[in-house]
Amino acid sequence: MKYQIVSCCTALVLACGAQLSVADDDKGLPADQVVSAIQVVASVHEGQIKDVEIEEKDKQTLVEVTVIGNDGKEKEVYVDPQSSKIVSR
C-alpha cells in the first residue's frame, strides 16, 4: 500500500510542483526511470521533494533528487536510473 501512495505522490509532485531540469545538450531519460528514481528516494527519505535533475558526470547519467527533510534540511540524493539504486557521489 505504501508503494501505491508513493507512486501517486510521485506523479503529483512531477505534475504540480517539483522542478525537473535537463541540460539542453542532454537527451534525458525515459519517464519510468525518472519516476522510479523518485520512488526510491521517497521510500528512504521522508520529507518533500524540492526538485529533480538529470546529470551526466564522467559518462554516467544520474538522477539527482533534492529532498527537504522533516527537519528542514536539504539533501541531494543521487540514483542510478539503470539500477534504481542510490549511489554516493
N, C-alpha and C. Protein backbone atom coordinates (compact mmCIF):
# COMPACT_ATOMS: atom_id res chain seq x y z
N MET A 1 0.82 -1.19 0.00
CA MET A 1 0.00 0.00 0.00
C MET A 1 0.87 1.26 0.00
N LYS A 2 1.95 1.26 0.78
CA LYS A 2 2.83 2.42 0.83
C LYS A 2 3.39 2.71 -0.56
N TYR A 3 3.72 1.65 -1.33
CA TYR A 3 4.27 1.83 -2.66
C TYR A 3 3.28 2.54 -3.57
N GLN A 4 2.00 2.19 -3.45
CA GLN A 4 0.98 2.85 -4.26
C GLN A 4 0.87 4.32 -3.90
N ILE A 5 0.96 4.63 -2.62
CA ILE A 5 0.90 6.02 -2.18
C ILE A 5 2.09 6.79 -2.73
N VAL A 6 3.27 6.18 -2.66
CA VAL A 6 4.47 6.83 -3.20
C VAL A 6 4.31 7.06 -4.69
N SER A 7 3.78 6.08 -5.42
CA SER A 7 3.58 6.24 -6.87
C SER A 7 2.66 7.40 -7.17
N CYS A 8 1.56 7.48 -6.44
CA CYS A 8 0.60 8.56 -6.63
C CYS A 8 1.24 9.89 -6.29
N CYS A 9 1.96 9.94 -5.19
CA CYS A 9 2.62 11.18 -4.77
C CYS A 9 3.68 11.61 -5.77
N THR A 10 4.41 10.65 -6.31
CA THR A 10 5.43 10.97 -7.30
C THR A 10 4.81 11.63 -8.52
N ALA A 11 3.71 11.08 -8.99
CA ALA A 11 3.03 11.67 -10.15
C ALA A 11 2.55 13.08 -9.83
N LEU A 12 2.02 13.27 -8.64
CA LEU A 12 1.56 14.60 -8.25
C LEU A 12 2.71 15.59 -8.13
N VAL A 13 3.83 15.13 -7.57
CA VAL A 13 4.99 16.01 -7.44
C VAL A 13 5.46 16.47 -8.81
N LEU A 14 5.55 15.56 -9.74
CA LEU A 14 6.00 15.92 -11.08
C LEU A 14 5.00 16.84 -11.78
N ALA A 15 3.72 16.57 -11.56
CA ALA A 15 2.70 17.35 -12.25
C ALA A 15 2.49 18.73 -11.63
N CYS A 16 2.70 18.84 -10.33
CA CYS A 16 2.27 20.05 -9.63
C CYS A 16 3.36 20.94 -9.07
N GLY A 17 4.58 20.44 -8.92
CA GLY A 17 5.45 21.35 -8.20
C GLY A 17 6.92 21.16 -8.37
N ALA A 18 7.39 19.94 -8.38
CA ALA A 18 8.83 19.76 -8.42
C ALA A 18 9.37 20.19 -9.77
N GLN A 19 10.50 20.78 -9.73
CA GLN A 19 11.15 21.24 -10.95
C GLN A 19 11.97 20.10 -11.51
N LEU A 20 11.79 19.77 -12.76
CA LEU A 20 12.58 18.75 -13.43
C LEU A 20 13.48 19.46 -14.43
N SER A 21 14.78 19.31 -14.23
CA SER A 21 15.73 20.02 -15.08
C SER A 21 16.56 19.03 -15.88
N VAL A 22 16.72 19.30 -17.14
CA VAL A 22 17.60 18.54 -18.01
C VAL A 22 18.39 19.55 -18.82
N ALA A 23 19.71 19.41 -18.81
CA ALA A 23 20.54 20.35 -19.58
C ALA A 23 20.17 20.26 -21.06
N ASP A 24 20.33 21.38 -21.77
CA ASP A 24 19.95 21.46 -23.17
C ASP A 24 20.65 20.43 -24.04
N ASP A 25 21.89 20.08 -23.70
CA ASP A 25 22.64 19.15 -24.54
C ASP A 25 22.41 17.69 -24.16
N ASP A 26 21.62 17.43 -23.14
CA ASP A 26 21.33 16.07 -22.72
C ASP A 26 20.10 15.55 -23.45
N LYS A 27 20.04 14.24 -23.59
CA LYS A 27 18.90 13.62 -24.24
C LYS A 27 17.81 13.28 -23.24
N GLY A 28 18.11 13.33 -21.96
CA GLY A 28 17.11 12.99 -20.95
C GLY A 28 17.06 11.50 -20.69
N LEU A 29 16.02 11.07 -19.99
CA LEU A 29 15.81 9.68 -19.64
C LEU A 29 14.35 9.32 -19.86
N PRO A 30 14.07 8.04 -20.02
CA PRO A 30 12.67 7.63 -20.08
C PRO A 30 11.96 8.00 -18.78
N ALA A 31 10.72 8.41 -18.88
CA ALA A 31 9.96 8.87 -17.72
C ALA A 31 9.89 7.81 -16.62
N ASP A 32 9.78 6.53 -16.99
CA ASP A 32 9.66 5.50 -15.96
C ASP A 32 10.92 5.40 -15.11
N GLN A 33 12.09 5.69 -15.69
CA GLN A 33 13.33 5.67 -14.92
C GLN A 33 13.39 6.85 -13.94
N VAL A 34 12.92 8.00 -14.38
CA VAL A 34 12.91 9.18 -13.50
C VAL A 34 11.92 8.95 -12.35
N VAL A 35 10.74 8.46 -12.67
CA VAL A 35 9.73 8.20 -11.63
C VAL A 35 10.25 7.14 -10.65
N SER A 36 10.90 6.11 -11.17
CA SER A 36 11.46 5.08 -10.31
C SER A 36 12.52 5.65 -9.36
N ALA A 37 13.35 6.55 -9.86
CA ALA A 37 14.37 7.19 -9.01
C ALA A 37 13.71 7.98 -7.89
N ILE A 38 12.66 8.71 -8.23
CA ILE A 38 11.94 9.50 -7.21
C ILE A 38 11.32 8.56 -6.17
N GLN A 39 10.76 7.45 -6.62
CA GLN A 39 10.14 6.50 -5.69
C GLN A 39 11.17 5.91 -4.74
N VAL A 40 12.36 5.61 -5.26
CA VAL A 40 13.43 5.06 -4.42
C VAL A 40 13.79 6.06 -3.33
N VAL A 41 13.97 7.31 -3.72
CA VAL A 41 14.34 8.34 -2.74
C VAL A 41 13.21 8.54 -1.73
N ALA A 42 11.97 8.58 -2.19
CA ALA A 42 10.83 8.79 -1.29
C ALA A 42 10.66 7.63 -0.31
N SER A 43 11.07 6.43 -0.70
CA SER A 43 10.94 5.29 0.21
C SER A 43 11.99 5.29 1.30
N VAL A 44 13.07 6.05 1.10
CA VAL A 44 14.19 6.07 2.06
C VAL A 44 14.24 7.37 2.86
N HIS A 45 13.86 8.49 2.24
CA HIS A 45 13.96 9.80 2.88
C HIS A 45 12.59 10.44 3.02
N GLU A 46 12.18 10.71 4.27
CA GLU A 46 10.91 11.40 4.48
C GLU A 46 11.10 12.89 4.26
N GLY A 47 10.08 13.53 3.78
CA GLY A 47 10.13 14.97 3.56
C GLY A 47 9.49 15.32 2.23
N GLN A 48 9.87 16.49 1.72
CA GLN A 48 9.30 16.98 0.47
C GLN A 48 10.37 17.00 -0.61
N ILE A 49 9.96 16.67 -1.82
CA ILE A 49 10.88 16.73 -2.95
C ILE A 49 10.88 18.15 -3.49
N LYS A 50 12.05 18.74 -3.52
CA LYS A 50 12.17 20.12 -3.99
C LYS A 50 12.37 20.17 -5.50
N ASP A 51 13.30 19.36 -6.01
CA ASP A 51 13.49 19.32 -7.45
C ASP A 51 14.18 18.04 -7.87
N VAL A 52 14.16 17.80 -9.17
CA VAL A 52 14.76 16.61 -9.76
C VAL A 52 15.59 17.07 -10.96
N GLU A 53 16.82 16.59 -11.03
CA GLU A 53 17.68 16.93 -12.15
C GLU A 53 18.31 15.67 -12.71
N ILE A 54 18.55 15.68 -13.99
CA ILE A 54 19.27 14.59 -14.64
C ILE A 54 20.66 15.11 -14.97
N GLU A 55 21.67 14.43 -14.45
CA GLU A 55 23.04 14.88 -14.63
C GLU A 55 23.88 13.81 -15.29
N GLU A 56 24.83 14.25 -16.08
CA GLU A 56 25.82 13.34 -16.62
C GLU A 56 27.18 13.76 -16.12
N LYS A 57 27.83 12.85 -15.43
CA LYS A 57 29.14 13.12 -14.84
C LYS A 57 30.03 11.93 -15.11
N ASP A 58 31.17 12.17 -15.72
CA ASP A 58 32.11 11.09 -16.05
C ASP A 58 31.42 9.97 -16.83
N LYS A 59 30.62 10.35 -17.81
CA LYS A 59 29.89 9.43 -18.69
C LYS A 59 28.87 8.57 -17.95
N GLN A 60 28.48 8.96 -16.75
CA GLN A 60 27.44 8.25 -16.01
C GLN A 60 26.26 9.19 -15.83
N THR A 61 25.09 8.74 -16.21
CA THR A 61 23.88 9.54 -16.04
C THR A 61 23.26 9.20 -14.70
N LEU A 62 22.97 10.23 -13.92
CA LEU A 62 22.35 10.06 -12.60
C LEU A 62 21.13 10.96 -12.49
N VAL A 63 20.19 10.53 -11.67
CA VAL A 63 19.05 11.37 -11.32
C VAL A 63 19.34 11.95 -9.94
N GLU A 64 19.38 13.28 -9.86
CA GLU A 64 19.61 13.96 -8.58
C GLU A 64 18.26 14.43 -8.05
N VAL A 65 17.90 13.93 -6.89
CA VAL A 65 16.63 14.30 -6.26
C VAL A 65 16.96 15.11 -5.00
N THR A 66 16.50 16.35 -4.95
CA THR A 66 16.72 17.19 -3.77
C THR A 66 15.51 17.06 -2.87
N VAL A 67 15.77 16.67 -1.62
CA VAL A 67 14.72 16.44 -0.63
C VAL A 67 14.89 17.42 0.51
N ILE A 68 13.80 18.02 0.95
CA ILE A 68 13.81 18.81 2.18
C ILE A 68 13.21 17.91 3.25
N GLY A 69 14.06 17.50 4.19
CA GLY A 69 13.64 16.58 5.23
C GLY A 69 12.68 17.22 6.21
N ASN A 70 12.07 16.39 7.02
CA ASN A 70 11.14 16.89 8.04
C ASN A 70 11.84 17.82 9.03
N ASP A 71 13.17 17.73 9.10
CA ASP A 71 13.94 18.61 9.97
C ASP A 71 14.28 19.94 9.29
N GLY A 72 13.83 20.11 8.03
CA GLY A 72 14.07 21.35 7.30
C GLY A 72 15.39 21.39 6.54
N LYS A 73 16.20 20.35 6.68
CA LYS A 73 17.49 20.33 6.00
C LYS A 73 17.34 19.78 4.58
N GLU A 74 18.08 20.38 3.66
CA GLU A 74 18.06 19.98 2.27
C GLU A 74 19.15 18.95 2.00
N LYS A 75 18.79 17.91 1.25
CA LYS A 75 19.75 16.86 0.94
C LYS A 75 19.61 16.46 -0.53
N GLU A 76 20.73 16.29 -1.21
CA GLU A 76 20.73 15.82 -2.59
C GLU A 76 21.03 14.33 -2.58
N VAL A 77 20.16 13.57 -3.22
CA VAL A 77 20.31 12.12 -3.29
C VAL A 77 20.45 11.74 -4.76
N TYR A 78 21.43 10.91 -5.07
CA TYR A 78 21.71 10.52 -6.45
C TYR A 78 21.29 9.07 -6.67
N VAL A 79 20.61 8.83 -7.78
CA VAL A 79 20.13 7.50 -8.11
C VAL A 79 20.61 7.12 -9.51
N ASP A 80 21.12 5.90 -9.62
CA ASP A 80 21.48 5.35 -10.93
C ASP A 80 20.17 4.91 -11.58
N PRO A 81 19.76 5.54 -12.68
CA PRO A 81 18.46 5.22 -13.28
C PRO A 81 18.41 3.82 -13.89
N GLN A 82 19.55 3.25 -14.22
CA GLN A 82 19.57 1.90 -14.79
C GLN A 82 19.26 0.84 -13.73
N SER A 83 19.79 1.02 -12.53
CA SER A 83 19.61 0.03 -11.47
C SER A 83 18.58 0.45 -10.42
N SER A 84 18.17 1.71 -10.43
CA SER A 84 17.27 2.28 -9.41
C SER A 84 17.87 2.16 -8.02
N LYS A 85 19.18 2.30 -7.93
CA LYS A 85 19.87 2.25 -6.64
C LYS A 85 20.48 3.60 -6.33
N ILE A 86 20.44 3.96 -5.03
CA ILE A 86 21.07 5.20 -4.57
C ILE A 86 22.58 5.01 -4.64
N VAL A 87 23.26 6.02 -5.18
CA VAL A 87 24.71 5.98 -5.28
C VAL A 87 25.29 7.19 -4.54
N SER A 88 26.48 7.04 -4.04
CA SER A 88 27.14 8.17 -3.39
C SER A 88 27.98 8.88 -4.45
N ARG A 89 28.18 10.15 -4.21
CA ARG A 89 28.89 10.95 -5.19
C ARG A 89 29.92 11.80 -4.56
